[in-house]
């Protein structure tokens, strides 16, 4: 597996990973509600991913495994993880954990000693198991519960 900075040529594959991960792995969050799902996927098209890649301050990473993009991660600021999604075919293969470690390393390199993120209900246990802690009560966002979390690096 290789984790590298995302490139514009990756946008379609990144979109496919984001869409499949949300649609197939986050069912506990969207509960197959078409309105919630549509809202969550609205900005995950290849065109929108290209625009996201241009966002100042955002750092997008992709994990390649077996010749394909298996995960997408993003830092939205010097200490904040904004995305960490894995393709369903690569779940439970260490890809999400490797992406999380790469994102945490980038936060350390930026000089922050505490990292932050907002977790879905689906990913909450994953983050807890990787040393993250709740940083407040769960909050409702677009019909789902989201968990503010942090980790001392």
C-alpha atoms as a PDB file:
ATOM      1  CA  UNK A   1       0.000   0.000   0.000  1.00  0.00           C
ATOM      2  CA  UNK A   2       1.170   3.490  -0.854  1.00  0.00           C
ATOM      3  CA  UNK A   3      -0.226   6.698   0.627  1.00  0.00           C
ATOM      4  CA  UNK A   4       0.453   9.753  -1.470  1.00  0.00           C
ATOM      5  CA  UNK A   5      -0.889  13.242  -2.148  1.00  0.00           C
ATOM      6  CA  UNK A   6      -3.995  13.199  -4.322  1.00  0.00           C
ATOM      7  CA  UNK A   7      -3.765  14.563  -7.862  1.00  0.00           C
ATOM      8  CA  UNK A   8      -6.483  15.974 -10.127  1.00  0.00           C
ATOM      9  CA  UNK A   9      -6.297  12.779 -12.204  1.00  0.00           C
ATOM     10  CA  UNK A  10      -7.510  10.886  -9.096  1.00  0.00           C
ATOM     11  CA  UNK A  11     -10.802  12.805  -8.834  1.00  0.00           C
ATOM     12  CA  UNK A  12     -13.045  10.178 -10.461  1.00  0.00           C
ATOM     13  CA  UNK A  13     -11.577   7.322  -8.401  1.00  0.00           C
ATOM     14  CA  UNK A  14     -11.750   9.430  -5.235  1.00  0.00           C
ATOM     15  CA  UNK A  15     -15.397  10.201  -5.955  1.00  0.00           C
ATOM     16  CA  UNK A  16     -16.101   6.493  -6.410  1.00  0.00           C
ATOM     17  CA  UNK A  17     -14.447   5.643  -3.067  1.00  0.00           C
ATOM     18  CA  UNK A  18     -16.268   8.398  -1.195  1.00  0.00           C
ATOM     19  CA  UNK A  19     -19.627   7.493  -2.718  1.00  0.00           C
ATOM     20  CA  UNK A  20     -19.315   3.741  -2.157  1.00  0.00           C
ATOM     21  CA  UNK A  21     -18.035   4.154   1.383  1.00  0.00           C
ATOM     22  CA  UNK A  22     -20.881   6.453   2.360  1.00  0.00           C
ATOM     23  CA  UNK A  23     -23.561   4.490   0.541  1.00  0.00           C
ATOM     24  CA  UNK A  24     -22.429   0.971   1.569  1.00  0.00           C
ATOM     25  CA  UNK A  25     -20.567   1.363   4.867  1.00  0.00           C
ATOM     26  CA  UNK A  26     -22.334   4.265   6.589  1.00  0.00           C
ATOM     27  CA  UNK A  27     -25.860   2.871   6.514  1.00  0.00           C
ATOM     28  CA  UNK A  28     -26.170   3.212  10.291  1.00  0.00           C
ATOM     29  CA  UNK A  29     -25.717   6.957   9.798  1.00  0.00           C
ATOM     30  CA  UNK A  30     -27.919   7.649   6.766  1.00  0.00           C
ATOM     31  CA  UNK A  31     -30.362   4.793   7.503  1.00  0.00           C
ATOM     32  CA  UNK A  32     -31.074   4.521   3.756  1.00  0.00           C
ATOM     33  CA  UNK A  33     -32.919   7.838   3.963  1.00  0.00           C
ATOM     34  CA  UNK A  34     -32.756   9.219   0.405  1.00  0.00           C
ATOM     35  CA  UNK A  35     -32.712  12.838   1.580  1.00  0.00           C
ATOM     36  CA  UNK A  36     -29.829  12.317   4.033  1.00  0.00           C
ATOM     37  CA  UNK A  37     -27.909  10.254   1.499  1.00  0.00           C
ATOM     38  CA  UNK A  38     -28.407  12.801  -1.285  1.00  0.00           C
ATOM     39  CA  UNK A  39     -27.231  15.614   0.957  1.00  0.00           C
ATOM     40  CA  UNK A  40     -24.142  13.692   2.025  1.00  0.00           C
ATOM     41  CA  UNK A  41     -23.226  12.695  -1.528  1.00  0.00           C
ATOM     42  CA  UNK A  42     -23.989  16.052  -3.157  1.00  0.00           C
ATOM     43  CA  UNK A  43     -20.378  17.244  -3.100  1.00  0.00           C
ATOM     44  CA  UNK A  44     -18.780  13.857  -3.814  1.00  0.00           C
ATOM     45  CA  UNK A  45     -19.067  13.948  -7.621  1.00  0.00           C
ATOM     46  CA  UNK A  46     -15.817  13.923  -9.634  1.00  0.00           C
ATOM     47  CA  UNK A  47     -16.362  17.594 -10.503  1.00  0.00           C
ATOM     48  CA  UNK A  48     -16.821  18.559  -6.852  1.00  0.00           C
ATOM     49  CA  UNK A  49     -13.823  16.474  -5.786  1.00  0.00           C
ATOM     50  CA  UNK A  50     -11.732  18.421  -8.319  1.00  0.00           C
ATOM     51  CA  UNK A  51     -12.943  21.653  -6.707  1.00  0.00           C
ATOM     52  CA  UNK A  52     -12.137  20.258  -3.239  1.00  0.00           C
ATOM     53  CA  UNK A  53      -8.577  19.513  -4.366  1.00  0.00           C
ATOM     54  CA  UNK A  54      -8.154  23.218  -5.159  1.00  0.00           C
ATOM     55  CA  UNK A  55      -9.283  24.371  -1.707  1.00  0.00           C
ATOM     56  CA  UNK A  56      -6.553  26.479  -0.047  1.00  0.00           C
ATOM     57  CA  UNK A  57      -5.138  24.799   3.039  1.00  0.00           C
ATOM     58  CA  UNK A  58      -6.680  21.403   2.328  1.00  0.00           C
ATOM     59  CA  UNK A  59      -4.339  18.432   1.968  1.00  0.00           C
ATOM     60  CA  UNK A  60      -5.833  15.395   0.243  1.00  0.00           C
ATOM     61  CA  UNK A  61      -4.212  11.977   0.399  1.00  0.00           C
ATOM     62  CA  UNK A  62      -5.083   8.716  -1.314  1.00  0.00           C
ATOM     63  CA  UNK A  63      -4.111   5.182  -0.366  1.00  0.00           C
ATOM     64  CA  UNK A  64      -3.375   2.878  -3.274  1.00  0.00           C
ATOM     65  CA  UNK A  65      -3.714  -0.855  -2.739  1.00  0.00           C
ATOM     66  CA  UNK A  66      -3.654  -3.574  -5.367  1.00  0.00           C
ATOM     67  CA  UNK A  67      -3.394  -0.947  -8.108  1.00  0.00           C
ATOM     68  CA  UNK A  68      -6.459   1.066  -7.144  1.00  0.00           C
ATOM     69  CA  UNK A  69      -7.383   3.920  -4.854  1.00  0.00           C
ATOM     70  CA  UNK A  70      -8.595   2.252  -1.662  1.00  0.00           C
ATOM     71  CA  UNK A  71      -9.021   5.247   0.652  1.00  0.00           C
ATOM     72  CA  UNK A  72      -9.317   9.023   0.635  1.00  0.00           C
ATOM     73  CA  UNK A  73      -8.186  11.261   3.466  1.00  0.00           C
ATOM     74  CA  UNK A  74      -8.037  15.007   3.942  1.00  0.00           C
ATOM     75  CA  UNK A  75      -6.751  17.577   6.373  1.00  0.00           C
ATOM     76  CA  UNK A  76      -8.919  20.679   6.360  1.00  0.00           C
ATOM     77  CA  UNK A  77      -6.540  22.651   8.549  1.00  0.00           C
ATOM     78  CA  UNK A  78      -3.252  22.216  10.387  1.00  0.00           C
ATOM     79  CA  UNK A  79      -4.866  20.117  13.140  1.00  0.00           C
ATOM     80  CA  UNK A  80      -8.147  18.832  11.667  1.00  0.00           C
ATOM     81  CA  UNK A  81      -8.994  15.672   9.755  1.00  0.00           C
ATOM     82  CA  UNK A  82     -11.916  16.314   7.429  1.00  0.00           C
ATOM     83  CA  UNK A  83     -12.143  13.007   5.555  1.00  0.00           C
ATOM     84  CA  UNK A  84     -11.076   9.394   6.064  1.00  0.00           C
ATOM     85  CA  UNK A  85     -13.095   7.056   3.847  1.00  0.00           C
ATOM     86  CA  UNK A  86     -12.250   3.540   2.686  1.00  0.00           C
ATOM     87  CA  UNK A  87     -13.607   1.645  -0.325  1.00  0.00           C
ATOM     88  CA  UNK A  88     -15.818  -1.244   0.803  1.00  0.00           C
ATOM     89  CA  UNK A  89     -13.593  -3.801  -0.958  1.00  0.00           C
ATOM     90  CA  UNK A  90     -10.624  -2.660   1.173  1.00  0.00           C
ATOM     91  CA  UNK A  91     -12.342  -2.466   4.545  1.00  0.00           C
ATOM     92  CA  UNK A  92     -10.641  -4.379   7.393  1.00  0.00           C
ATOM     93  CA  UNK A  93      -7.357  -4.550   5.457  1.00  0.00           C
ATOM     94  CA  UNK A  94      -5.519  -1.875   7.478  1.00  0.00           C
ATOM     95  CA  UNK A  95      -6.109   0.838   4.890  1.00  0.00           C
ATOM     96  CA  UNK A  96      -8.131   3.169   7.141  1.00  0.00           C
ATOM     97  CA  UNK A  97      -5.627   2.744   9.961  1.00  0.00           C
ATOM     98  CA  UNK A  98      -2.716   3.529   7.634  1.00  0.00           C
ATOM     99  CA  UNK A  99      -4.529   6.586   6.269  1.00  0.00           C
ATOM    100  CA  UNK A 100      -5.281   7.775   9.809  1.00  0.00           C
ATOM    101  CA  UNK A 101      -1.611   7.385  10.769  1.00  0.00           C
ATOM    102  CA  UNK A 102      -0.540   9.370   7.684  1.00  0.00           C
ATOM    103  CA  UNK A 103      -2.992  12.158   8.477  1.00  0.00           C
ATOM    104  CA  UNK A 104      -1.857  12.248  12.120  1.00  0.00           C
ATOM    105  CA  UNK A 105       1.786  12.409  10.971  1.00  0.00           C
ATOM    106  CA  UNK A 106       0.999  15.428   8.803  1.00  0.00           C
ATOM    107  CA  UNK A 107      -0.671  17.133  11.764  1.00  0.00           C
ATOM    108  CA  UNK A 108       2.426  16.455  13.907  1.00  0.00           C
ATOM    109  CA  UNK A 109       4.656  17.838  11.132  1.00  0.00           C
ATOM    110  CA  UNK A 110       2.537  21.017  11.120  1.00  0.00           C
ATOM    111  CA  UNK A 111       3.441  21.462  14.799  1.00  0.00           C
ATOM    112  CA  UNK A 112       0.083  20.657  16.394  1.00  0.00           C
ATOM    113  CA  UNK A 113       0.019  18.450  19.472  1.00  0.00           C
ATOM    114  CA  UNK A 114      -3.733  17.843  19.457  1.00  0.00           C
ATOM    115  CA  UNK A 115      -5.633  16.598  16.412  1.00  0.00           C
ATOM    116  CA  UNK A 116      -9.367  17.070  15.859  1.00  0.00           C
ATOM    117  CA  UNK A 117     -12.072  15.491  13.758  1.00  0.00           C
ATOM    118  CA  UNK A 118     -15.800  14.918  13.653  1.00  0.00           C
ATOM    119  CA  UNK A 119     -16.715  11.251  13.373  1.00  0.00           C
ATOM    120  CA  UNK A 120     -19.745   9.545  11.968  1.00  0.00           C
ATOM    121  CA  UNK A 121     -21.453   6.982  14.160  1.00  0.00           C
ATOM    122  CA  UNK A 122     -20.093   4.280  11.874  1.00  0.00           C
ATOM    123  CA  UNK A 123     -16.460   5.336  12.413  1.00  0.00           C
ATOM    124  CA  UNK A 124     -16.755   6.297  16.084  1.00  0.00           C
ATOM    125  CA  UNK A 125     -15.540   2.929  17.453  1.00  0.00           C
ATOM    126  CA  UNK A 126     -12.679   2.905  14.937  1.00  0.00           C
ATOM    127  CA  UNK A 127     -11.382   6.233  16.218  1.00  0.00           C
ATOM    128  CA  UNK A 128     -11.815   5.250  19.866  1.00  0.00           C
ATOM    129  CA  UNK A 129      -9.806   2.074  19.184  1.00  0.00           C
ATOM    130  CA  UNK A 130      -7.050   4.227  17.658  1.00  0.00           C
ATOM    131  CA  UNK A 131      -6.540   6.485  20.656  1.00  0.00           C
ATOM    132  CA  UNK A 132      -9.069   9.210  19.942  1.00  0.00           C
ATOM    133  CA  UNK A 133     -11.394  10.549  22.638  1.00  0.00           C
ATOM    134  CA  UNK A 134     -14.757  12.239  22.568  1.00  0.00           C
ATOM    135  CA  UNK A 135     -14.401  16.012  22.834  1.00  0.00           C
ATOM    136  CA  UNK A 136     -18.009  16.794  23.648  1.00  0.00           C
ATOM    137  CA  UNK A 137     -21.484  15.385  23.166  1.00  0.00           C
ATOM    138  CA  UNK A 138     -22.663  14.035  19.832  1.00  0.00           C
ATOM    139  CA  UNK A 139     -24.248  16.718  17.666  1.00  0.00           C
ATOM    140  CA  UNK A 140     -27.010  16.425  15.078  1.00  0.00           C
ATOM    141  CA  UNK A 141     -25.885  17.372  11.580  1.00  0.00           C
ATOM    142  CA  UNK A 142     -27.977  16.852   8.422  1.00  0.00           C
ATOM    143  CA  UNK A 143     -30.123  14.217  10.133  1.00  0.00           C
ATOM    144  CA  UNK A 144     -27.191  12.256  11.588  1.00  0.00           C
ATOM    145  CA  UNK A 145     -25.282  12.184  14.847  1.00  0.00           C
ATOM    146  CA  UNK A 146     -21.682  13.364  14.609  1.00  0.00           C
ATOM    147  CA  UNK A 147     -19.061  12.993  17.312  1.00  0.00           C
ATOM    148  CA  UNK A 148     -16.455  15.702  17.940  1.00  0.00           C
ATOM    149  CA  UNK A 149     -13.200  13.949  18.821  1.00  0.00           C
ATOM    150  CA  UNK A 150      -9.592  14.765  19.575  1.00  0.00           C
ATOM    151  CA  UNK A 151      -6.290  13.009  20.111  1.00  0.00           C
ATOM    152  CA  UNK A 152      -3.112  14.130  21.828  1.00  0.00           C
ATOM    153  CA  UNK A 153      -0.251  13.428  19.443  1.00  0.00           C
END
